[in-house]
Amino acid sequence: MSFQDPYYLVHDEIEANLSRVMRQEQSLTNGQGAVSNDAKRTLAEMDEQLDSVDFQLQELNEAMKLAEANPARFRIDHEEIRSRKSYIEGAQSRAKKLRGTVQQVLTRPLLSCVRAKWYVLQIAGVALGDGPLADARGDGARGAGAAAALRAGEGG
């Protein structure tokens, strides 16, 4: 049985997870508007995979600290330690960027909803004279005039 450095086993698993999440990210960011149920499941899967990547990267980072403290014991030179630490930092950066995309996609419908409600409140309050923003000055003039103009434009 041959010895395989566990670093490379974890490295390959991290790369596979990051690649999978990147493919899922591309499918999500191509769409716009509300997030469908399929997209929500995909986002949940992406989040789980990124949690796994984060855990694996923390474990690799701890292992590298041990190897750095005693390179002779682990038969690893300083250049290899530097290379591995560089990989860990790069993978952490990619995972953070992907997690940001997941959060952005998750909040997109919420932001759209908030904007739509604000727009409706603006129309209701300013144009129709019925809403909470209609009488900001306290004299009722702005809302009433706009409502009358709308009714006249509707033919009624």
C-alpha atoms as a PDB file:
ATOM      1  CA  MET A   1       0.000   0.000   0.000  1.00  0.00           C
ATOM      2  CA  SER A   2       1.531   3.295  -1.029  1.00  0.00           C
ATOM      3  CA  PHE A   3       1.503   6.387   1.153  1.00  0.00           C
ATOM      4  CA  GLN A   4      -0.469   9.323  -0.207  1.00  0.00           C
ATOM      5  CA  ASP A   5      -0.098  12.704   1.411  1.00  0.00           C
ATOM      6  CA  PRO A   6      -3.491  13.498   3.053  1.00  0.00           C
ATOM      7  CA  TYR A   7      -3.046  17.130   2.018  1.00  0.00           C
ATOM      8  CA  TYR A   8      -3.622  16.178  -1.606  1.00  0.00           C
ATOM      9  CA  LEU A   9      -6.685  14.098  -0.768  1.00  0.00           C
ATOM     10  CA  VAL A  10      -8.290  17.060   0.998  1.00  0.00           C
ATOM     11  CA  HIS A  11      -7.024  19.437  -1.704  1.00  0.00           C
ATOM     12  CA  ASP A  12      -8.781  17.398  -4.406  1.00  0.00           C
ATOM     13  CA  GLU A  13     -11.988  17.253  -2.398  1.00  0.00           C
ATOM     14  CA  ILE A  14     -11.931  21.025  -1.847  1.00  0.00           C
ATOM     15  CA  GLU A  15     -11.345  21.619  -5.558  1.00  0.00           C
ATOM     16  CA  ALA A  16     -14.227  19.312  -6.481  1.00  0.00           C
ATOM     17  CA  ASN A  17     -16.574  21.116  -4.071  1.00  0.00           C
ATOM     18  CA  LEU A  18     -15.501  24.570  -5.270  1.00  0.00           C
ATOM     19  CA  SER A  19     -15.933  23.527  -8.899  1.00  0.00           C
ATOM     20  CA  ARG A  20     -19.409  22.168  -8.165  1.00  0.00           C
ATOM     21  CA  VAL A  21     -20.406  25.383  -6.390  1.00  0.00           C
ATOM     22  CA  MET A  22     -19.013  27.492  -9.247  1.00  0.00           C
ATOM     23  CA  ARG A  23     -21.121  25.561 -11.786  1.00  0.00           C
ATOM     24  CA  GLN A  24     -24.190  26.065  -9.607  1.00  0.00           C
ATOM     25  CA  GLU A  25     -23.347  29.753  -9.223  1.00  0.00           C
ATOM     26  CA  GLN A  26     -23.248  30.199 -12.993  1.00  0.00           C
ATOM     27  CA  SER A  27     -26.680  28.629 -13.385  1.00  0.00           C
ATOM     28  CA  LEU A  28     -28.122  30.905 -10.687  1.00  0.00           C
ATOM     29  CA  THR A  29     -26.564  34.177 -11.756  1.00  0.00           C
ATOM     30  CA  ASN A  30     -27.829  33.770 -15.320  1.00  0.00           C
ATOM     31  CA  GLY A  31     -31.415  34.047 -14.085  1.00  0.00           C
ATOM     32  CA  GLN A  32     -33.079  37.180 -12.798  1.00  0.00           C
ATOM     33  CA  GLY A  33     -36.058  37.990 -10.626  1.00  0.00           C
ATOM     34  CA  ALA A  34     -37.496  35.826  -7.898  1.00  0.00           C
ATOM     35  CA  VAL A  35     -35.678  32.733  -6.712  1.00  0.00           C
ATOM     36  CA  SER A  36     -37.570  29.548  -7.619  1.00  0.00           C
ATOM     37  CA  ASN A  37     -37.886  26.531  -5.329  1.00  0.00           C
ATOM     38  CA  ASP A  38     -35.252  24.706  -7.429  1.00  0.00           C
ATOM     39  CA  ALA A  39     -32.937  27.668  -7.030  1.00  0.00           C
ATOM     40  CA  LYS A  40     -33.543  27.708  -3.276  1.00  0.00           C
ATOM     41  CA  ARG A  41     -32.570  24.034  -3.087  1.00  0.00           C
ATOM     42  CA  THR A  42     -29.480  24.751  -5.162  1.00  0.00           C
ATOM     43  CA  LEU A  43     -28.574  27.662  -2.879  1.00  0.00           C
ATOM     44  CA  ALA A  44     -28.977  25.422   0.163  1.00  0.00           C
ATOM     45  CA  GLU A  45     -26.704  22.807  -1.441  1.00  0.00           C
ATOM     46  CA  MET A  46     -24.156  25.477  -2.301  1.00  0.00           C
ATOM     47  CA  ASP A  47     -24.231  26.770   1.254  1.00  0.00           C
ATOM     48  CA  GLU A  48     -23.672  23.244   2.645  1.00  0.00           C
ATOM     49  CA  GLN A  49     -20.801  22.620   0.242  1.00  0.00           C
ATOM     50  CA  LEU A  50     -19.205  25.929   1.174  1.00  0.00           C
ATOM     51  CA  ASP A  51     -19.557  25.047   4.864  1.00  0.00           C
ATOM     52  CA  SER A  52     -17.726  21.802   4.114  1.00  0.00           C
ATOM     53  CA  VAL A  53     -15.009  23.665   2.192  1.00  0.00           C
ATOM     54  CA  ASP A  54     -14.595  26.137   5.066  1.00  0.00           C
ATOM     55  CA  PHE A  55     -14.201  23.277   7.550  1.00  0.00           C
ATOM     56  CA  GLN A  56     -11.705  21.460   5.335  1.00  0.00           C
ATOM     57  CA  LEU A  57      -9.688  24.634   4.830  1.00  0.00           C
ATOM     58  CA  GLN A  58      -9.581  25.236   8.590  1.00  0.00           C
ATOM     59  CA  GLU A  59      -8.347  21.695   9.097  1.00  0.00           C
ATOM     60  CA  LEU A  60      -5.701  22.091   6.393  1.00  0.00           C
ATOM     61  CA  ASN A  61      -4.599  25.370   7.910  1.00  0.00           C
ATOM     62  CA  GLU A  62      -4.171  23.713  11.324  1.00  0.00           C
ATOM     63  CA  ALA A  63      -2.244  20.831   9.736  1.00  0.00           C
ATOM     64  CA  MET A  64       0.040  23.326   7.985  1.00  0.00           C
ATOM     65  CA  LYS A  65       0.751  25.050  11.290  1.00  0.00           C
ATOM     66  CA  LEU A  66       1.870  21.715  12.731  1.00  0.00           C
ATOM     67  CA  ALA A  67       3.983  20.936   9.673  1.00  0.00           C
ATOM     68  CA  GLU A  68       5.516  24.399   9.763  1.00  0.00           C
ATOM     69  CA  ALA A  69       6.449  23.954  13.420  1.00  0.00           C
ATOM     70  CA  ASN A  70       8.153  20.617  12.747  1.00  0.00           C
ATOM     71  CA  PRO A  71       8.922  20.180   9.017  1.00  0.00           C
ATOM     72  CA  ALA A  72      11.410  17.334   9.576  1.00  0.00           C
ATOM     73  CA  ARG A  73       8.780  15.209  11.274  1.00  0.00           C
ATOM     74  CA  PHE A  74       6.409  15.591   8.331  1.00  0.00           C
ATOM     75  CA  ARG A  75       9.193  15.438   5.714  1.00  0.00           C
ATOM     76  CA  ILE A  76       8.142  18.687   4.095  1.00  0.00           C
ATOM     77  CA  ASP A  77      10.313  21.626   3.081  1.00  0.00           C
ATOM     78  CA  HIS A  78       9.610  25.317   3.568  1.00  0.00           C
ATOM     79  CA  GLU A  79       8.837  25.880  -0.124  1.00  0.00           C
ATOM     80  CA  GLU A  80       6.133  23.215  -0.052  1.00  0.00           C
ATOM     81  CA  ILE A  81       4.691  24.723   3.148  1.00  0.00           C
ATOM     82  CA  ARG A  82       4.596  28.137   1.478  1.00  0.00           C
ATOM     83  CA  SER A  83       2.927  26.671  -1.603  1.00  0.00           C
ATOM     84  CA  ARG A  84       0.278  24.891   0.455  1.00  0.00           C
ATOM     85  CA  LYS A  85      -0.439  27.970   2.565  1.00  0.00           C
ATOM     86  CA  SER A  86      -0.807  29.994  -0.632  1.00  0.00           C
ATOM     87  CA  TYR A  87      -3.316  27.436  -1.945  1.00  0.00           C
ATOM     88  CA  ILE A  88      -5.300  27.600   1.304  1.00  0.00           C
ATOM     89  CA  GLU A  89      -5.487  31.404   1.137  1.00  0.00           C
ATOM     90  CA  GLY A  90      -6.592  31.307  -2.504  1.00  0.00           C
ATOM     91  CA  ALA A  91      -9.234  28.666  -1.831  1.00  0.00           C
ATOM     92  CA  GLN A  92     -10.536  30.664   1.146  1.00  0.00           C
ATOM     93  CA  SER A  93     -10.821  33.718  -1.088  1.00  0.00           C
ATOM     94  CA  ARG A  94     -12.737  31.778  -3.768  1.00  0.00           C
ATOM     95  CA  ALA A  95     -15.070  30.278  -1.144  1.00  0.00           C
ATOM     96  CA  LYS A  96     -15.722  33.732   0.335  1.00  0.00           C
ATOM     97  CA  LYS A  97     -16.553  35.135  -3.109  1.00  0.00           C
ATOM     98  CA  LEU A  98     -18.902  32.234  -3.844  1.00  0.00           C
ATOM     99  CA  ARG A  99     -20.601  32.656  -0.463  1.00  0.00           C
ATOM    100  CA  GLY A 100     -21.111  36.332  -1.311  1.00  0.00           C
ATOM    101  CA  THR A 101     -22.831  35.323  -4.534  1.00  0.00           C
ATOM    102  CA  VAL A 102     -25.105  32.941  -2.633  1.00  0.00           C
ATOM    103  CA  GLN A 103     -26.069  35.736  -0.226  1.00  0.00           C
ATOM    104  CA  GLN A 104     -26.609  38.174  -3.090  1.00  0.00           C
ATOM    105  CA  VAL A 105     -28.934  35.774  -4.907  1.00  0.00           C
ATOM    106  CA  LEU A 106     -30.814  35.048  -1.678  1.00  0.00           C
ATOM    107  CA  THR A 107     -31.375  38.750  -0.936  1.00  0.00           C
ATOM    108  CA  ARG A 108     -32.202  39.793  -4.532  1.00  0.00           C
ATOM    109  CA  PRO A 109     -35.937  38.951  -4.246  1.00  0.00           C
ATOM    110  CA  LEU A 110     -36.108  40.662  -0.862  1.00  0.00           C
ATOM    111  CA  LEU A 111     -34.590  43.845  -2.258  1.00  0.00           C
ATOM    112  CA  SER A 112     -36.942  43.730  -5.256  1.00  0.00           C
ATOM    113  CA  CYS A 113     -39.876  43.279  -2.894  1.00  0.00           C
ATOM    114  CA  VAL A 114     -38.779  46.218  -0.735  1.00  0.00           C
ATOM    115  CA  ARG A 115     -38.359  48.434  -3.801  1.00  0.00           C
ATOM    116  CA  ALA A 116     -41.775  47.422  -5.113  1.00  0.00           C
ATOM    117  CA  LYS A 117     -43.435  48.174  -1.763  1.00  0.00           C
ATOM    118  CA  TRP A 118     -41.688  51.543  -1.591  1.00  0.00           C
ATOM    119  CA  TYR A 119     -42.901  52.342  -5.106  1.00  0.00           C
ATOM    120  CA  VAL A 120     -46.462  51.328  -4.247  1.00  0.00           C
ATOM    121  CA  LEU A 121     -46.336  53.458  -1.096  1.00  0.00           C
ATOM    122  CA  GLN A 122     -45.062  56.396  -3.102  1.00  0.00           C
ATOM    123  CA  ILE A 123     -47.881  56.035  -5.611  1.00  0.00           C
ATOM    124  CA  ALA A 124     -50.510  55.443  -2.941  1.00  0.00           C
ATOM    125  CA  GLY A 125     -49.276  58.184  -0.661  1.00  0.00           C
ATOM    126  CA  VAL A 126     -48.392  60.907  -3.102  1.00  0.00           C
ATOM    127  CA  ALA A 127     -50.625  60.315  -6.101  1.00  0.00           C
ATOM    128  CA  LEU A 128     -53.830  58.913  -4.606  1.00  0.00           C
ATOM    129  CA  GLY A 129     -53.971  60.839  -1.374  1.00  0.00           C
ATOM    130  CA  ASP A 130     -55.003  57.764   0.608  1.00  0.00           C
ATOM    131  CA  GLY A 131     -51.703  56.496   1.964  1.00  0.00           C
ATOM    132  CA  PRO A 132     -49.523  57.346   4.935  1.00  0.00           C
ATOM    133  CA  LEU A 133     -47.327  59.678   2.885  1.00  0.00           C
ATOM    134  CA  ALA A 134     -50.182  61.693   1.404  1.00  0.00           C
ATOM    135  CA  ASP A 135     -50.418  64.441   3.944  1.00  0.00           C
ATOM    136  CA  ALA A 136     -46.815  64.921   5.002  1.00  0.00           C
ATOM    137  CA  ARG A 137     -47.339  68.704   5.200  1.00  0.00           C
ATOM    138  CA  GLY A 138     -50.519  68.331   7.230  1.00  0.00           C
ATOM    139  CA  ASP A 139     -52.792  70.390   4.916  1.00  0.00           C
ATOM    140  CA  GLY A 140     -54.068  67.573   2.672  1.00  0.00           C
ATOM    141  CA  ALA A 141     -53.430  69.644  -0.482  1.00  0.00           C
ATOM    142  CA  ARG A 142     -50.850  67.492  -2.208  1.00  0.00           C
ATOM    143  CA  GLY A 143     -52.739  64.196  -2.024  1.00  0.00           C
ATOM    144  CA  ALA A 144     -56.138  65.595  -2.878  1.00  0.00           C
ATOM    145  CA  GLY A 145     -54.932  67.465  -5.949  1.00  0.00           C
ATOM    146  CA  ALA A 146     -53.054  64.470  -7.308  1.00  0.00           C
ATOM    147  CA  ALA A 147     -56.014  62.166  -6.732  1.00  0.00           C
ATOM    148  CA  ALA A 148     -58.337  64.599  -8.575  1.00  0.00           C
ATOM    149  CA  ALA A 149     -55.893  64.793 -11.485  1.00  0.00           C
ATOM    150  CA  LEU A 150     -55.762  61.011 -11.719  1.00  0.00           C
ATOM    151  CA  ARG A 151     -59.543  60.720 -11.667  1.00  0.00           C
ATOM    152  CA  ALA A 152     -59.823  63.353 -14.412  1.00  0.00           C
ATOM    153  CA  GLY A 153     -57.310  61.488 -16.532  1.00  0.00           C
ATOM    154  CA  GLU A 154     -59.311  58.275 -16.138  1.00  0.00           C
ATOM    155  CA  GLY A 155     -62.371  59.976 -17.560  1.00  0.00           C
ATOM    156  CA  GLY A 156     -64.190  60.017 -14.306  1.00  0.00           C
END
